[in-house]
Amino acid sequence: MNSPHHGARLAVHSREQIIARVGAGQRAAEVASAFGVSLRTLRKWLARSRAGGRAALSSRASAPAGVAGRLPERLVALALYLRRDAGA
């Protein structure tokens, strides 16, 4: 999960450098420009770092945590049962 493609703008090492530069007093806008990312992206990584330290700088899964319209398990089981039964 933590090995982004070779062209990724912000690997964990780069994110750590961003945190260090801003922590050393460099303006966030200057750091964002130096790394070729938006100020919004830079602030996202700052917030994640403050909330969870170095571990929070790893890439996250982009899949949603849950599916809003998911059928209840009993209906899925019924549909599978009816499919198997209808084919016989």
N, C-alpha and C. Protein backbone atom coordinates (compact mmCIF):
# COMPACT_ATOMS: atom_id res chain seq x y z
N MET A 1 0.81 -1.20 0.00
CA MET A 1 0.00 0.00 0.00
C MET A 1 0.85 1.25 0.00
N ASN A 2 2.03 1.17 0.57
CA ASN A 2 2.83 2.37 0.72
C ASN A 2 3.93 2.49 -0.33
N SER A 3 3.73 1.91 -1.50
CA SER A 3 4.71 2.11 -2.56
C SER A 3 3.99 2.70 -3.77
N PRO A 4 3.82 4.02 -3.79
CA PRO A 4 3.12 4.65 -4.89
C PRO A 4 3.91 4.51 -6.19
N HIS A 5 3.24 4.75 -7.30
CA HIS A 5 3.92 4.65 -8.59
C HIS A 5 5.08 5.65 -8.66
N HIS A 6 5.98 5.43 -9.58
CA HIS A 6 7.21 6.20 -9.65
C HIS A 6 6.99 7.69 -9.87
N GLY A 7 5.85 8.07 -10.40
CA GLY A 7 5.60 9.48 -10.67
C GLY A 7 4.81 10.19 -9.59
N ALA A 8 4.59 9.53 -8.47
CA ALA A 8 3.78 10.13 -7.41
C ALA A 8 4.46 11.40 -6.89
N ARG A 9 3.67 12.43 -6.69
CA ARG A 9 4.23 13.70 -6.23
C ARG A 9 4.72 13.63 -4.80
N LEU A 10 4.03 12.90 -3.95
CA LEU A 10 4.39 12.92 -2.54
C LEU A 10 4.53 11.51 -1.97
N ALA A 11 5.73 10.99 -1.98
CA ALA A 11 6.00 9.75 -1.26
C ALA A 11 6.16 10.12 0.21
N VAL A 12 6.21 9.14 1.08
CA VAL A 12 6.30 9.41 2.52
C VAL A 12 7.49 10.31 2.84
N HIS A 13 8.62 10.06 2.20
CA HIS A 13 9.82 10.87 2.46
C HIS A 13 9.55 12.35 2.13
N SER A 14 8.90 12.61 1.01
CA SER A 14 8.59 13.99 0.63
C SER A 14 7.62 14.62 1.62
N ARG A 15 6.68 13.84 2.08
CA ARG A 15 5.71 14.36 3.07
C ARG A 15 6.42 14.74 4.35
N GLU A 16 7.40 13.93 4.75
CA GLU A 16 8.17 14.25 5.96
C GLU A 16 8.97 15.53 5.76
N GLN A 17 9.51 15.73 4.57
CA GLN A 17 10.24 16.97 4.29
C GLN A 17 9.32 18.18 4.35
N ILE A 18 8.11 18.02 3.87
CA ILE A 18 7.14 19.11 3.94
C ILE A 18 6.89 19.49 5.40
N ILE A 19 6.65 18.49 6.23
CA ILE A 19 6.38 18.74 7.64
C ILE A 19 7.58 19.44 8.29
N ALA A 20 8.78 18.97 7.97
CA ALA A 20 9.99 19.55 8.55
C ALA A 20 10.18 21.00 8.13
N ARG A 21 9.96 21.29 6.85
CA ARG A 21 10.16 22.66 6.36
C ARG A 21 9.16 23.63 6.99
N VAL A 22 7.91 23.21 7.06
CA VAL A 22 6.90 24.09 7.67
C VAL A 22 7.19 24.23 9.16
N GLY A 23 7.61 23.14 9.80
CA GLY A 23 7.97 23.20 11.21
C GLY A 23 9.17 24.10 11.49
N ALA A 24 10.05 24.23 10.50
CA ALA A 24 11.23 25.08 10.65
C ALA A 24 10.91 26.55 10.38
N GLY A 25 9.66 26.83 10.02
CA GLY A 25 9.25 28.22 9.87
C GLY A 25 9.07 28.69 8.44
N GLN A 26 9.31 27.83 7.46
CA GLN A 26 9.10 28.25 6.07
C GLN A 26 7.60 28.37 5.81
N ARG A 27 7.20 29.35 5.03
CA ARG A 27 5.79 29.58 4.74
C ARG A 27 5.21 28.39 3.97
N ALA A 28 3.98 28.01 4.31
CA ALA A 28 3.33 26.87 3.69
C ALA A 28 3.20 27.04 2.18
N ALA A 29 2.88 28.23 1.73
CA ALA A 29 2.73 28.47 0.29
C ALA A 29 4.05 28.27 -0.44
N GLU A 30 5.15 28.66 0.16
CA GLU A 30 6.47 28.48 -0.44
C GLU A 30 6.82 26.99 -0.53
N VAL A 31 6.52 26.26 0.52
CA VAL A 31 6.81 24.83 0.54
C VAL A 31 5.97 24.12 -0.51
N ALA A 32 4.70 24.46 -0.59
CA ALA A 32 3.81 23.84 -1.57
C ALA A 32 4.34 24.08 -2.98
N SER A 33 4.75 25.29 -3.25
CA SER A 33 5.29 25.62 -4.57
C SER A 33 6.57 24.84 -4.85
N ALA A 34 7.44 24.72 -3.86
CA ALA A 34 8.70 24.00 -4.03
C ALA A 34 8.47 22.53 -4.33
N PHE A 35 7.44 21.95 -3.76
CA PHE A 35 7.15 20.53 -3.97
C PHE A 35 6.19 20.28 -5.12
N GLY A 36 5.68 21.35 -5.70
CA GLY A 36 4.79 21.21 -6.85
C GLY A 36 3.42 20.66 -6.50
N VAL A 37 2.93 21.02 -5.31
CA VAL A 37 1.59 20.58 -4.89
C VAL A 37 0.78 21.79 -4.48
N SER A 38 -0.51 21.59 -4.36
CA SER A 38 -1.38 22.70 -3.96
C SER A 38 -1.25 22.97 -2.47
N LEU A 39 -1.62 24.15 -2.08
CA LEU A 39 -1.61 24.52 -0.66
C LEU A 39 -2.60 23.63 0.10
N ARG A 40 -3.70 23.28 -0.55
CA ARG A 40 -4.69 22.40 0.07
C ARG A 40 -4.08 21.03 0.38
N THR A 41 -3.30 20.47 -0.55
CA THR A 41 -2.65 19.18 -0.33
C THR A 41 -1.65 19.28 0.81
N LEU A 42 -0.87 20.35 0.80
CA LEU A 42 0.11 20.54 1.87
C LEU A 42 -0.57 20.60 3.23
N ARG A 43 -1.65 21.33 3.31
CA ARG A 43 -2.37 21.44 4.59
C ARG A 43 -2.97 20.11 5.01
N LYS A 44 -3.39 19.30 4.04
CA LYS A 44 -3.91 17.97 4.35
C LYS A 44 -2.85 17.13 5.04
N TRP A 45 -1.62 17.16 4.51
CA TRP A 45 -0.54 16.37 5.11
C TRP A 45 -0.12 16.93 6.46
N LEU A 46 -0.16 18.24 6.63
CA LEU A 46 0.13 18.82 7.94
C LEU A 46 -0.88 18.36 8.98
N ALA A 47 -2.15 18.38 8.61
CA ALA A 47 -3.20 17.96 9.54
C ALA A 47 -3.06 16.48 9.88
N ARG A 48 -2.77 15.65 8.88
CA ARG A 48 -2.59 14.22 9.16
C ARG A 48 -1.40 13.98 10.07
N SER A 49 -0.33 14.73 9.86
CA SER A 49 0.86 14.57 10.69
C SER A 49 0.57 14.96 12.14
N ARG A 50 -0.14 16.06 12.31
CA ARG A 50 -0.49 16.50 13.67
C ARG A 50 -1.38 15.49 14.37
N ALA A 51 -2.28 14.88 13.62
CA ALA A 51 -3.24 13.94 14.20
C ALA A 51 -2.63 12.58 14.50
N GLY A 52 -1.70 12.12 13.65
CA GLY A 52 -1.22 10.76 13.84
C GLY A 52 0.26 10.55 13.69
N GLY A 53 1.05 11.61 13.63
CA GLY A 53 2.50 11.47 13.52
C GLY A 53 2.95 10.89 12.19
N ARG A 54 4.12 10.29 12.18
CA ARG A 54 4.72 9.76 10.96
C ARG A 54 3.84 8.68 10.32
N ALA A 55 3.21 7.85 11.12
CA ALA A 55 2.39 6.76 10.59
C ALA A 55 1.23 7.29 9.74
N ALA A 56 0.75 8.46 10.06
CA ALA A 56 -0.38 9.03 9.32
C ALA A 56 0.03 9.56 7.95
N LEU A 57 1.32 9.60 7.67
CA LEU A 57 1.79 10.11 6.38
C LEU A 57 1.80 9.04 5.30
N SER A 58 1.51 7.81 5.66
CA SER A 58 1.45 6.73 4.67
C SER A 58 0.23 6.91 3.79
N SER A 59 0.29 6.32 2.61
CA SER A 59 -0.84 6.38 1.70
C SER A 59 -2.02 5.62 2.29
N ARG A 60 -3.19 6.09 1.99
CA ARG A 60 -4.40 5.44 2.47
C ARG A 60 -5.13 4.77 1.32
N ALA A 61 -5.93 3.79 1.64
CA ALA A 61 -6.74 3.14 0.62
C ALA A 61 -7.77 4.13 0.09
N SER A 62 -8.01 4.09 -1.19
CA SER A 62 -8.98 5.01 -1.77
C SER A 62 -10.39 4.40 -1.83
N ALA A 63 -10.52 3.13 -1.47
CA ALA A 63 -11.82 2.49 -1.46
C ALA A 63 -12.66 3.03 -0.31
N PRO A 64 -13.95 3.17 -0.51
CA PRO A 64 -14.80 3.66 0.57
C PRO A 64 -14.86 2.66 1.72
N ALA A 65 -15.06 3.16 2.93
CA ALA A 65 -15.13 2.30 4.10
C ALA A 65 -16.38 1.43 4.09
N GLY A 66 -17.43 1.93 3.50
CA GLY A 66 -18.68 1.17 3.44
C GLY A 66 -19.43 1.48 2.16
N VAL A 67 -20.41 0.68 1.86
CA VAL A 67 -21.23 0.89 0.67
C VAL A 67 -22.62 1.28 1.14
N ALA A 68 -23.06 2.46 0.73
CA ALA A 68 -24.31 3.01 1.25
C ALA A 68 -25.54 2.17 0.89
N GLY A 69 -25.64 1.71 -0.33
CA GLY A 69 -26.85 1.02 -0.77
C GLY A 69 -26.74 -0.50 -0.73
N ARG A 70 -25.88 -1.02 0.09
CA ARG A 70 -25.66 -2.46 0.14
C ARG A 70 -26.90 -3.19 0.68
N LEU A 71 -27.22 -4.30 0.05
CA LEU A 71 -28.36 -5.11 0.50
C LEU A 71 -28.04 -5.80 1.81
N PRO A 72 -29.05 -6.02 2.64
CA PRO A 72 -28.83 -6.80 3.86
C PRO A 72 -28.39 -8.22 3.50
N GLU A 73 -27.58 -8.81 4.35
CA GLU A 73 -27.02 -10.13 4.10
C GLU A 73 -28.10 -11.18 3.83
N ARG A 74 -29.23 -11.08 4.51
CA ARG A 74 -30.29 -12.07 4.32
C ARG A 74 -30.87 -12.01 2.90
N LEU A 75 -30.96 -10.81 2.32
CA LEU A 75 -31.46 -10.68 0.95
C LEU A 75 -30.45 -11.19 -0.08
N VAL A 76 -29.17 -10.97 0.20
CA VAL A 76 -28.12 -11.50 -0.68
C VAL A 76 -28.19 -13.02 -0.68
N ALA A 77 -28.33 -13.61 0.51
CA ALA A 77 -28.41 -15.07 0.63
C ALA A 77 -29.65 -15.59 -0.10
N LEU A 78 -30.77 -14.90 0.02
CA LEU A 78 -32.00 -15.31 -0.66
C LEU A 78 -31.82 -15.26 -2.18
N ALA A 79 -31.22 -14.18 -2.68
CA ALA A 79 -31.00 -14.05 -4.12
C ALA A 79 -30.11 -15.17 -4.64
N LEU A 80 -29.04 -15.49 -3.90
CA LEU A 80 -28.15 -16.57 -4.31
C LEU A 80 -28.87 -17.90 -4.30
N TYR A 81 -29.71 -18.13 -3.30
CA TYR A 81 -30.48 -19.35 -3.20
C TYR A 81 -31.43 -19.49 -4.39
N LEU A 82 -32.15 -18.39 -4.70
CA LEU A 82 -33.10 -18.41 -5.82
C LEU A 82 -32.38 -18.61 -7.17
N ARG A 83 -31.21 -18.02 -7.31
CA ARG A 83 -30.44 -18.22 -8.54
C ARG A 83 -30.07 -19.66 -8.75
N ARG A 84 -29.58 -20.28 -7.69
CA ARG A 84 -29.17 -21.68 -7.78
C ARG A 84 -30.39 -22.58 -8.02
N ASP A 85 -31.48 -22.26 -7.36
CA ASP A 85 -32.68 -23.08 -7.44
C ASP A 85 -33.34 -22.95 -8.83
N ALA A 86 -33.31 -21.74 -9.39
CA ALA A 86 -33.96 -21.49 -10.69
C ALA A 86 -33.19 -22.19 -11.81
N GLY A 87 -31.91 -22.40 -11.64
CA GLY A 87 -31.11 -23.04 -12.67
C GLY A 87 -31.27 -24.54 -12.70
N ALA A 88 -31.86 -25.14 -11.70
CA ALA A 88 -31.95 -26.60 -11.62
C ALA A 88 -33.15 -27.15 -12.34
